[in-house]
Amino acid sequence: PTVPPMLAADIGGGSLPAVLNILLALRQRDFTGEGMHLDIAMSD
C-alpha cells in the first residue's frame, strides 16, 4: 500500500483554507463591521 508523502488534508485542507477564509472574512468585516465563525473541515 502507498502512504502519500504529503499531508494534503492537514495543509491543503486545513492550513491553506484557514488562511484563505480568514483573509476573506477580514475583507467582509471591512464592509459589515462584524466578525464571523469559520468552519474549516479538512476532509471537505
All heavy atoms as atom14 arrays in JSON, in Angstrom:
{
  "sequence": "PTVPPMLAADIGGGSLPAVLNILLALRQRDFTGEGMHLDIAMSD",
  "atom14_mask": [
    [1, 1, 1, 1, 1, 1, 1, 0, 0, 0, 0, 0, 0, 0],
    [1, 1, 1, 1, 1, 1, 1, 0, 0, 0, 0, 0, 0, 0],
    [1, 1, 1, 1, 1, 1, 1, 0, 0, 0, 0, 0, 0, 0],
    [1, 1, 1, 1, 1, 1, 1, 0, 0, 0, 0, 0, 0, 0],
    [1, 1, 1, 1, 1, 1, 1, 0, 0, 0, 0, 0, 0, 0],
    [1, 1, 1, 1, 1, 1, 1, 1, 0, 0, 0, 0, 0, 0],
    [1, 1, 1, 1, 1, 1, 1, 1, 0, 0, 0, 0, 0, 0],
    [1, 1, 1, 1, 1, 0, 0, 0, 0, 0, 0, 0, 0, 0],
    [1, 1, 1, 1, 1, 0, 0, 0, 0, 0, 0, 0, 0, 0],
    [1, 1, 1, 1, 1, 1, 1, 1, 0, 0, 0, 0, 0, 0],
    [1, 1, 1, 1, 1, 1, 1, 1, 0, 0, 0, 0, 0, 0],
    [1, 1, 1, 1, 0, 0, 0, 0, 0, 0, 0, 0, 0, 0],
    [1, 1, 1, 1, 0, 0, 0, 0, 0, 0, 0, 0, 0, 0],
    [1, 1, 1, 1, 0, 0, 0, 0, 0, 0, 0, 0, 0, 0],
    [1, 1, 1, 1, 1, 1, 0, 0, 0, 0, 0, 0, 0, 0],
    [1, 1, 1, 1, 1, 1, 1, 1, 0, 0, 0, 0, 0, 0],
    [1, 1, 1, 1, 1, 1, 1, 0, 0, 0, 0, 0, 0, 0],
    [1, 1, 1, 1, 1, 0, 0, 0, 0, 0, 0, 0, 0, 0],
    [1, 1, 1, 1, 1, 1, 1, 0, 0, 0, 0, 0, 0, 0],
    [1, 1, 1, 1, 1, 1, 1, 1, 0, 0, 0, 0, 0, 0],
    [1, 1, 1, 1, 1, 1, 1, 1, 0, 0, 0, 0, 0, 0],
    [1, 1, 1, 1, 1, 1, 1, 1, 0, 0, 0, 0, 0, 0],
    [1, 1, 1, 1, 1, 1, 1, 1, 0, 0, 0, 0, 0, 0],
    [1, 1, 1, 1, 1, 1, 1, 1, 0, 0, 0, 0, 0, 0],
    [1, 1, 1, 1, 1, 0, 0, 0, 0, 0, 0, 0, 0, 0],
    [1, 1, 1, 1, 1, 1, 1, 1, 0, 0, 0, 0, 0, 0],
    [1, 1, 1, 1, 1, 1, 1, 1, 1, 1, 1, 0, 0, 0],
    [1, 1, 1, 1, 1, 1, 1, 1, 1, 0, 0, 0, 0, 0],
    [1, 1, 1, 1, 1, 1, 1, 1, 1, 1, 1, 0, 0, 0],
    [1, 1, 1, 1, 1, 1, 1, 1, 0, 0, 0, 0, 0, 0],
    [1, 1, 1, 1, 1, 1, 1, 1, 1, 1, 1, 0, 0, 0],
    [1, 1, 1, 1, 1, 1, 1, 0, 0, 0, 0, 0, 0, 0],
    [1, 1, 1, 1, 0, 0, 0, 0, 0, 0, 0, 0, 0, 0],
    [1, 1, 1, 1, 1, 1, 1, 1, 1, 0, 0, 0, 0, 0],
    [1, 1, 1, 1, 0, 0, 0, 0, 0, 0, 0, 0, 0, 0],
    [1, 1, 1, 1, 1, 1, 1, 1, 0, 0, 0, 0, 0, 0],
    [1, 1, 1, 1, 1, 1, 1, 1, 1, 1, 0, 0, 0, 0],
    [1, 1, 1, 1, 1, 1, 1, 1, 0, 0, 0, 0, 0, 0],
    [1, 1, 1, 1, 1, 1, 1, 1, 0, 0, 0, 0, 0, 0],
    [1, 1, 1, 1, 1, 1, 1, 1, 0, 0, 0, 0, 0, 0],
    [1, 1, 1, 1, 1, 0, 0, 0, 0, 0, 0, 0, 0, 0],
    [1, 1, 1, 1, 1, 1, 1, 1, 0, 0, 0, 0, 0, 0],
    [1, 1, 1, 1, 1, 1, 0, 0, 0, 0, 0, 0, 0, 0],
    [1, 1, 1, 1, 1, 1, 1, 1, 0, 0, 0, 0, 0, 0]
  ],
  "atom14_positions": [
    [[0.83, -1.22, 0.0], [0.0, 0.0, 0.0], [0.86, 1.26, 0.0], [1.95, 1.27, 0.57], [-0.8, -0.12, 1.3], [-0.69, -1.56, 1.71], [0.64, -2.03, 1.2], [0.0, 0.0, 0.0], [0.0, 0.0, 0.0], [0.0, 0.0, 0.0], [0.0, 0.0, 0.0], [0.0, 0.0, 0.0], [0.0, 0.0, 0.0], [0.0, 0.0, 0.0]],
    [[0.35, 2.3, -0.64], [1.09, 3.55, -0.75], [0.56, 4.58, 0.24], [-0.63, 4.91, 0.22], [0.98, 4.12, -2.18], [1.54, 3.18, -3.09], [1.72, 5.44, -2.29], [0.0, 0.0, 0.0], [0.0, 0.0, 0.0], [0.0, 0.0, 0.0], [0.0, 0.0, 0.0], [0.0, 0.0, 0.0], [0.0, 0.0, 0.0], [0.0, 0.0, 0.0]],
    [[1.43, 5.07, 1.1], [1.08, 6.17, 2.01], [1.57, 7.46, 1.37], [2.77, 7.61, 1.12], [1.72, 5.99, 3.4], [1.38, 7.19, 4.29], [1.23, 4.7, 4.03], [0.0, 0.0, 0.0], [0.0, 0.0, 0.0], [0.0, 0.0, 0.0], [0.0, 0.0, 0.0], [0.0, 0.0, 0.0], [0.0, 0.0, 0.0], [0.0, 0.0, 0.0]],
    [[0.67, 8.41, 1.06], [1.1, 9.65, 0.4], [2.16, 10.38, 1.23], [2.04, 10.47, 2.45], [-0.19, 10.46, 0.31], [-1.29, 9.46, 0.41], [-0.78, 8.38, 1.31], [0.0, 0.0, 0.0], [0.0, 0.0, 0.0], [0.0, 0.0, 0.0], [0.0, 0.0, 0.0], [0.0, 0.0, 0.0], [0.0, 0.0, 0.0], [0.0, 0.0, 0.0]],
    [[3.19, 10.93, 0.6], [4.24, 11.61, 1.35], [3.87, 13.02, 1.8], [4.51, 13.58, 2.68], [5.4, 11.66, 0.36], [4.73, 11.69, -0.98], [3.51, 10.83, -0.83], [0.0, 0.0, 0.0], [0.0, 0.0, 0.0], [0.0, 0.0, 0.0], [0.0, 0.0, 0.0], [0.0, 0.0, 0.0], [0.0, 0.0, 0.0], [0.0, 0.0, 0.0]],
    [[2.83, 13.59, 1.18], [2.45, 14.94, 1.57], [1.18, 14.89, 2.45], [0.32, 14.04, 2.24], [2.19, 15.82, 0.35], [0.96, 15.49, -0.47], [1.09, 13.95, -1.42], [2.3, 14.41, -2.64], [0.0, 0.0, 0.0], [0.0, 0.0, 0.0], [0.0, 0.0, 0.0], [0.0, 0.0, 0.0], [0.0, 0.0, 0.0], [0.0, 0.0, 0.0]],
    [[1.12, 15.78, 3.43], [-0.05, 15.84, 4.32], [-1.09, 16.76, 3.67], [-1.28, 17.92, 4.08], [0.37, 16.33, 5.7], [1.36, 15.39, 6.43], [1.82, 16.0, 7.73], [0.73, 14.02, 6.67], [0.0, 0.0, 0.0], [0.0, 0.0, 0.0], [0.0, 0.0, 0.0], [0.0, 0.0, 0.0], [0.0, 0.0, 0.0], [0.0, 0.0, 0.0]],
    [[-1.77, 16.21, 2.68], [-2.7, 17.03, 1.89], [-3.86, 17.55, 2.73], [-4.3, 18.68, 2.55], [-3.22, 16.21, 0.71], [0.0, 0.0, 0.0], [0.0, 0.0, 0.0], [0.0, 0.0, 0.0], [0.0, 0.0, 0.0], [0.0, 0.0, 0.0], [0.0, 0.0, 0.0], [0.0, 0.0, 0.0], [0.0, 0.0, 0.0], [0.0, 0.0, 0.0]],
    [[-4.37, 16.73, 3.64], [-5.51, 17.17, 4.45], [-5.09, 18.23, 5.47], [-5.76, 19.25, 5.63], [-6.16, 15.98, 5.15], [0.0, 0.0, 0.0], [0.0, 0.0, 0.0], [0.0, 0.0, 0.0], [0.0, 0.0, 0.0], [0.0, 0.0, 0.0], [0.0, 0.0, 0.0], [0.0, 0.0, 0.0], [0.0, 0.0, 0.0], [0.0, 0.0, 0.0]],
    [[-3.99, 17.99, 6.16], [-3.54, 18.94, 7.17], [-3.23, 20.31, 6.57], [-3.64, 21.35, 7.09], [-2.28, 18.42, 7.87], [-2.59, 17.35, 8.91], [-3.78, 17.11, 9.18], [-1.65, 16.74, 9.42], [0.0, 0.0, 0.0], [0.0, 0.0, 0.0], [0.0, 0.0, 0.0], [0.0, 0.0, 0.0], [0.0, 0.0, 0.0], [0.0, 0.0, 0.0]],
    [[-2.48, 20.3, 5.47], [-2.02, 21.57, 4.88], [-3.01, 22.08, 3.84], [-3.47, 23.21, 3.91], [-0.61, 21.39, 4.28], [0.38, 21.02, 5.38], [-0.18, 22.66, 3.56], [1.78, 20.68, 4.89], [0.0, 0.0, 0.0], [0.0, 0.0, 0.0], [0.0, 0.0, 0.0], [0.0, 0.0, 0.0], [0.0, 0.0, 0.0], [0.0, 0.0, 0.0]],
    [[-3.33, 21.22, 2.85], [-4.24, 21.65, 1.78], [-5.69, 21.7, 2.2], [-6.5, 22.36, 1.55], [0.0, 0.0, 0.0], [0.0, 0.0, 0.0], [0.0, 0.0, 0.0], [0.0, 0.0, 0.0], [0.0, 0.0, 0.0], [0.0, 0.0, 0.0], [0.0, 0.0, 0.0], [0.0, 0.0, 0.0], [0.0, 0.0, 0.0], [0.0, 0.0, 0.0]],
    [[-6.04, 21.0, 3.28], [-7.43, 21.02, 3.75], [-7.61, 21.81, 5.02], [-8.74, 22.17, 5.37], [0.0, 0.0, 0.0], [0.0, 0.0, 0.0], [0.0, 0.0, 0.0], [0.0, 0.0, 0.0], [0.0, 0.0, 0.0], [0.0, 0.0, 0.0], [0.0, 0.0, 0.0], [0.0, 0.0, 0.0], [0.0, 0.0, 0.0], [0.0, 0.0, 0.0]],
    [[-6.5, 22.08, 5.74], [-6.58, 22.81, 7.0], [-5.91, 24.16, 6.95], [-6.56, 25.21, 6.96], [0.0, 0.0, 0.0], [0.0, 0.0, 0.0], [0.0, 0.0, 0.0], [0.0, 0.0, 0.0], [0.0, 0.0, 0.0], [0.0, 0.0, 0.0], [0.0, 0.0, 0.0], [0.0, 0.0, 0.0], [0.0, 0.0, 0.0], [0.0, 0.0, 0.0]],
    [[-4.57, 24.17, 6.84], [-3.81, 25.43, 6.93], [-4.19, 26.42, 5.84], [-4.51, 27.59, 6.13], [-2.31, 25.13, 6.85], [-1.92, 24.17, 7.78], [0.0, 0.0, 0.0], [0.0, 0.0, 0.0], [0.0, 0.0, 0.0], [0.0, 0.0, 0.0], [0.0, 0.0, 0.0], [0.0, 0.0, 0.0], [0.0, 0.0, 0.0], [0.0, 0.0, 0.0]],
    [[-4.13, 25.98, 4.59], [-4.35, 26.92, 3.49], [-5.79, 27.42, 3.43], [-6.01, 28.63, 3.28], [-3.92, 26.28, 2.17], [-2.41, 25.98, 2.06], [-2.09, 25.27, 0.75], [-1.59, 27.26, 2.17], [0.0, 0.0, 0.0], [0.0, 0.0, 0.0], [0.0, 0.0, 0.0], [0.0, 0.0, 0.0], [0.0, 0.0, 0.0], [0.0, 0.0, 0.0]],
    [[-6.81, 26.54, 3.54], [-8.18, 27.07, 3.58], [-8.43, 28.0, 4.77], [-9.2, 28.95, 4.67], [-9.05, 25.81, 3.67], [-8.22, 24.75, 3.05], [-6.82, 25.08, 3.47], [0.0, 0.0, 0.0], [0.0, 0.0, 0.0], [0.0, 0.0, 0.0], [0.0, 0.0, 0.0], [0.0, 0.0, 0.0], [0.0, 0.0, 0.0], [0.0, 0.0, 0.0]],
    [[-7.77, 27.72, 5.9], [-7.95, 28.6, 7.06], [-7.46, 30.0, 6.75], [-8.16, 31.0, 6.99], [-7.2, 28.03, 8.27], [0.0, 0.0, 0.0], [0.0, 0.0, 0.0], [0.0, 0.0, 0.0], [0.0, 0.0, 0.0], [0.0, 0.0, 0.0], [0.0, 0.0, 0.0], [0.0, 0.0, 0.0], [0.0, 0.0, 0.0], [0.0, 0.0, 0.0]],
    [[-6.26, 30.11, 6.19], [-5.71, 31.43, 5.85], [-6.58, 32.11, 4.8], [-6.91, 33.3, 4.93], [-4.26, 31.3, 5.36], [-3.75, 32.64, 4.83], [-3.35, 30.81, 6.48], [0.0, 0.0, 0.0], [0.0, 0.0, 0.0], [0.0, 0.0, 0.0], [0.0, 0.0, 0.0], [0.0, 0.0, 0.0], [0.0, 0.0, 0.0], [0.0, 0.0, 0.0]],
    [[-6.95, 31.38, 3.77], [-7.79, 31.95, 2.72], [-9.08, 32.51, 3.29], [-9.47, 33.66, 3.01], [-8.1, 30.88, 1.67], [-9.17, 31.2, 0.63], [-8.73, 32.35, -0.25], [-9.47, 29.97, -0.23], [0.0, 0.0, 0.0], [0.0, 0.0, 0.0], [0.0, 0.0, 0.0], [0.0, 0.0, 0.0], [0.0, 0.0, 0.0], [0.0, 0.0, 0.0]],
    [[-9.76, 31.73, 4.1], [-11.06, 32.15, 4.64], [-10.92, 33.26, 5.68], [-11.78, 34.13, 5.78], [-11.81, 30.96, 5.21], [-12.45, 30.11, 4.12], [-13.54, 30.41, 3.65], [-11.75, 29.08, 3.68], [0.0, 0.0, 0.0], [0.0, 0.0, 0.0], [0.0, 0.0, 0.0], [0.0, 0.0, 0.0], [0.0, 0.0, 0.0], [0.0, 0.0, 0.0]],
    [[-9.83, 33.24, 6.45], [-9.6, 34.33, 7.4], [-9.43, 35.65, 6.66], [-10.01, 36.68, 7.04], [-8.36, 34.02, 8.26], [-8.7, 32.95, 9.31], [-7.85, 35.28, 8.96], [-7.48, 32.38, 10.02], [0.0, 0.0, 0.0], [0.0, 0.0, 0.0], [0.0, 0.0, 0.0], [0.0, 0.0, 0.0], [0.0, 0.0, 0.0], [0.0, 0.0, 0.0]],
    [[-8.66, 35.64, 5.58], [-8.46, 36.87, 4.82], [-9.76, 37.34, 4.17], [-10.05, 38.55, 4.15], [-7.38, 36.65, 3.76], [-5.98, 36.33, 4.29], [-5.01, 36.11, 3.15], [-5.47, 37.43, 5.22], [0.0, 0.0, 0.0], [0.0, 0.0, 0.0], [0.0, 0.0, 0.0], [0.0, 0.0, 0.0], [0.0, 0.0, 0.0], [0.0, 0.0, 0.0]],
    [[-10.56, 36.41, 3.66], [-11.86, 36.79, 3.1], [-12.78, 37.35, 4.19], [-13.51, 38.33, 3.95], [-12.52, 35.58, 2.44], [-11.84, 35.05, 1.17], [-12.51, 33.75, 0.72], [-11.89, 36.08, 0.05], [0.0, 0.0, 0.0], [0.0, 0.0, 0.0], [0.0, 0.0, 0.0], [0.0, 0.0, 0.0], [0.0, 0.0, 0.0], [0.0, 0.0, 0.0]],
    [[-12.74, 36.75, 5.37], [-13.59, 37.22, 6.47], [-13.17, 38.61, 6.94], [-14.02, 39.44, 7.3], [-13.54, 36.23, 7.63], [0.0, 0.0, 0.0], [0.0, 0.0, 0.0], [0.0, 0.0, 0.0], [0.0, 0.0, 0.0], [0.0, 0.0, 0.0], [0.0, 0.0, 0.0], [0.0, 0.0, 0.0], [0.0, 0.0, 0.0], [0.0, 0.0, 0.0]],
    [[-11.86, 38.87, 6.92], [-11.41, 40.22, 7.28], [-11.89, 41.25, 6.27], [-12.28, 42.37, 6.64], [-9.87, 40.25, 7.36], [-9.24, 39.49, 8.53], [-7.72, 39.44, 8.36], [-9.61, 40.13, 9.86], [0.0, 0.0, 0.0], [0.0, 0.0, 0.0], [0.0, 0.0, 0.0], [0.0, 0.0, 0.0], [0.0, 0.0, 0.0], [0.0, 0.0, 0.0]],
    [[-11.88, 40.87, 5.0], [-12.4, 41.78, 3.97], [-13.89, 41.99, 4.15], [-14.39, 43.12, 4.04], [-12.09, 41.2, 2.58], [-12.56, 42.07, 1.43], [-11.94, 43.45, 1.49], [-12.27, 44.23, 0.32], [-12.37, 45.55, 0.32], [-12.17, 46.24, 1.44], [-12.65, 46.21, -0.79], [0.0, 0.0, 0.0], [0.0, 0.0, 0.0], [0.0, 0.0, 0.0]],
    [[-14.61, 40.91, 4.47], [-16.05, 41.04, 4.72], [-16.31, 41.94, 5.92], [-17.26, 42.72, 5.94], [-16.65, 39.64, 4.95], [-18.16, 39.62, 5.14], [-18.91, 39.85, 3.84], [-18.3, 39.97, 2.78], [-20.22, 39.91, 3.92], [0.0, 0.0, 0.0], [0.0, 0.0, 0.0], [0.0, 0.0, 0.0], [0.0, 0.0, 0.0], [0.0, 0.0, 0.0]],
    [[-15.44, 41.83, 6.94], [-15.58, 42.67, 8.13], [-15.42, 44.14, 7.78], [-16.02, 45.02, 8.43], [-14.55, 42.25, 9.18], [-14.76, 42.89, 10.53], [-13.73, 42.42, 11.54], [-12.4, 42.99, 11.3], [-11.36, 42.83, 12.13], [-11.5, 42.11, 13.23], [-10.2, 43.39, 11.85], [0.0, 0.0, 0.0], [0.0, 0.0, 0.0], [0.0, 0.0, 0.0]],
    [[-14.6, 44.42, 6.77], [-14.46, 45.81, 6.33], [-15.81, 46.39, 5.9], [-16.07, 47.58, 6.07], [-13.48, 45.9, 5.15], [-12.05, 45.6, 5.55], [-11.73, 45.7, 6.76], [-11.24, 45.28, 4.66], [0.0, 0.0, 0.0], [0.0, 0.0, 0.0], [0.0, 0.0, 0.0], [0.0, 0.0, 0.0], [0.0, 0.0, 0.0], [0.0, 0.0, 0.0]],
    [[-16.66, 45.55, 5.31], [-17.97, 46.0, 4.85], [-19.01, 46.04, 5.96], [-19.84, 46.95, 6.03], [-18.47, 45.1, 3.72], [-17.61, 45.09, 2.5], [-17.14, 43.89, 1.98], [-17.24, 46.26, 1.86], [-16.33, 43.86, 0.84], [-16.43, 46.25, 0.73], [-15.98, 45.05, 0.22], [0.0, 0.0, 0.0], [0.0, 0.0, 0.0], [0.0, 0.0, 0.0]],
    [[-18.99, 45.0, 6.82], [-20.07, 44.84, 7.8], [-19.73, 45.34, 9.19], [-20.62, 45.61, 10.0], [-20.46, 43.36, 7.9], [-19.37, 42.62, 8.48], [-20.81, 42.79, 6.54], [0.0, 0.0, 0.0], [0.0, 0.0, 0.0], [0.0, 0.0, 0.0], [0.0, 0.0, 0.0], [0.0, 0.0, 0.0], [0.0, 0.0, 0.0], [0.0, 0.0, 0.0]],
    [[-18.43, 45.4, 9.5], [-18.01, 45.76, 10.85], [-18.09, 44.6, 11.82], [-17.81, 44.78, 13.01], [0.0, 0.0, 0.0], [0.0, 0.0, 0.0], [0.0, 0.0, 0.0], [0.0, 0.0, 0.0], [0.0, 0.0, 0.0], [0.0, 0.0, 0.0], [0.0, 0.0, 0.0], [0.0, 0.0, 0.0], [0.0, 0.0, 0.0], [0.0, 0.0, 0.0]],
    [[-18.47, 43.43, 11.34], [-18.66, 42.28, 12.23], [-17.79, 41.1, 11.81], [-17.5, 40.91, 10.62], [-20.13, 41.83, 12.22], [-21.09, 42.88, 12.74], [-22.53, 42.39, 12.72], [-22.77, 41.29, 12.19], [-23.4, 43.11, 13.24], [0.0, 0.0, 0.0], [0.0, 0.0, 0.0], [0.0, 0.0, 0.0], [0.0, 0.0, 0.0], [0.0, 0.0, 0.0]],
    [[-17.39, 40.31, 12.8], [-16.65, 39.09, 12.54], [-17.59, 37.96, 12.18], [-18.77, 38.16, 11.89], [0.0, 0.0, 0.0], [0.0, 0.0, 0.0], [0.0, 0.0, 0.0], [0.0, 0.0, 0.0], [0.0, 0.0, 0.0], [0.0, 0.0, 0.0], [0.0, 0.0, 0.0], [0.0, 0.0, 0.0], [0.0, 0.0, 0.0], [0.0, 0.0, 0.0]],
    [[-17.07, 36.73, 12.18], [-17.88, 35.56, 11.86], [-17.16, 34.31, 12.33], [-15.99, 34.34, 12.69], [-18.14, 35.47, 10.36], [-16.9, 35.3, 9.51], [-17.28, 35.14, 7.75], [-18.02, 36.72, 7.4], [0.0, 0.0, 0.0], [0.0, 0.0, 0.0], [0.0, 0.0, 0.0], [0.0, 0.0, 0.0], [0.0, 0.0, 0.0], [0.0, 0.0, 0.0]],
    [[-17.9, 33.21, 12.32], [-17.33, 31.9, 12.68], [-17.06, 31.12, 11.41], [-17.98, 30.84, 10.63], [-18.32, 31.13, 13.58], [-17.75, 29.86, 14.13], [-18.53, 28.91, 14.75], [-16.47, 29.39, 14.16], [-17.76, 27.9, 15.14], [-16.51, 28.17, 14.79], [0.0, 0.0, 0.0], [0.0, 0.0, 0.0], [0.0, 0.0, 0.0], [0.0, 0.0, 0.0]],
    [[-15.81, 30.75, 11.2], [-15.41, 29.98, 10.02], [-15.29, 28.51, 10.38], [-14.64, 28.14, 11.35], [-14.06, 30.49, 9.5], [-14.01, 31.96, 9.1], [-12.57, 32.37, 8.78], [-14.91, 32.22, 7.9], [0.0, 0.0, 0.0], [0.0, 0.0, 0.0], [0.0, 0.0, 0.0], [0.0, 0.0, 0.0], [0.0, 0.0, 0.0], [0.0, 0.0, 0.0]],
    [[-15.92, 27.67, 9.58], [-15.93, 26.22, 9.8], [-15.05, 25.56, 8.73], [-15.48, 25.34, 7.6], [-17.38, 25.73, 9.71], [-17.53, 24.22, 9.87], [-16.52, 23.55, 10.2], [-18.65, 23.71, 9.66], [0.0, 0.0, 0.0], [0.0, 0.0, 0.0], [0.0, 0.0, 0.0], [0.0, 0.0, 0.0], [0.0, 0.0, 0.0], [0.0, 0.0, 0.0]],
    [[-13.81, 25.24, 9.09], [-12.85, 24.63, 8.16], [-12.77, 23.14, 8.45], [-12.29, 22.73, 9.51], [-11.45, 25.26, 8.29], [-11.52, 26.79, 8.16], [-10.48, 24.65, 7.28], [-12.06, 27.27, 6.84], [0.0, 0.0, 0.0], [0.0, 0.0, 0.0], [0.0, 0.0, 0.0], [0.0, 0.0, 0.0], [0.0, 0.0, 0.0], [0.0, 0.0, 0.0]],
    [[-13.25, 22.33, 7.51], [-13.21, 20.87, 7.66], [-12.15, 20.31, 6.71], [-12.26, 20.45, 5.49], [-14.58, 20.27, 7.34], [0.0, 0.0, 0.0], [0.0, 0.0, 0.0], [0.0, 0.0, 0.0], [0.0, 0.0, 0.0], [0.0, 0.0, 0.0], [0.0, 0.0, 0.0], [0.0, 0.0, 0.0], [0.0, 0.0, 0.0], [0.0, 0.0, 0.0]],
    [[-11.13, 19.67, 7.27], [-10.03, 19.17, 6.44], [-10.5, 18.14, 5.42], [-9.99, 18.09, 4.3], [-8.94, 18.59, 7.33], [-8.2, 19.66, 8.12], [-6.85, 19.0, 9.15], [-7.75, 18.64, 10.66], [0.0, 0.0, 0.0], [0.0, 0.0, 0.0], [0.0, 0.0, 0.0], [0.0, 0.0, 0.0], [0.0, 0.0, 0.0], [0.0, 0.0, 0.0]],
    [[-11.49, 17.34, 5.78], [-11.97, 16.32, 4.85], [-12.7, 16.94, 3.66], [-12.69, 16.37, 2.56], [-12.88, 15.32, 5.57], [-13.93, 15.98, 6.25], [0.0, 0.0, 0.0], [0.0, 0.0, 0.0], [0.0, 0.0, 0.0], [0.0, 0.0, 0.0], [0.0, 0.0, 0.0], [0.0, 0.0, 0.0], [0.0, 0.0, 0.0], [0.0, 0.0, 0.0]],
    [[-13.31, 18.09, 3.84], [-14.03, 18.74, 2.73], [-13.1, 19.0, 1.55], [-13.45, 18.78, 0.39], [-14.64, 20.08, 3.19], [-15.87, 19.91, 4.05], [-16.29, 18.77, 4.3], [-16.42, 20.95, 4.48], [0.0, 0.0, 0.0], [0.0, 0.0, 0.0], [0.0, 0.0, 0.0], [0.0, 0.0, 0.0], [0.0, 0.0, 0.0], [0.0, 0.0, 0.0]]
  ]
}
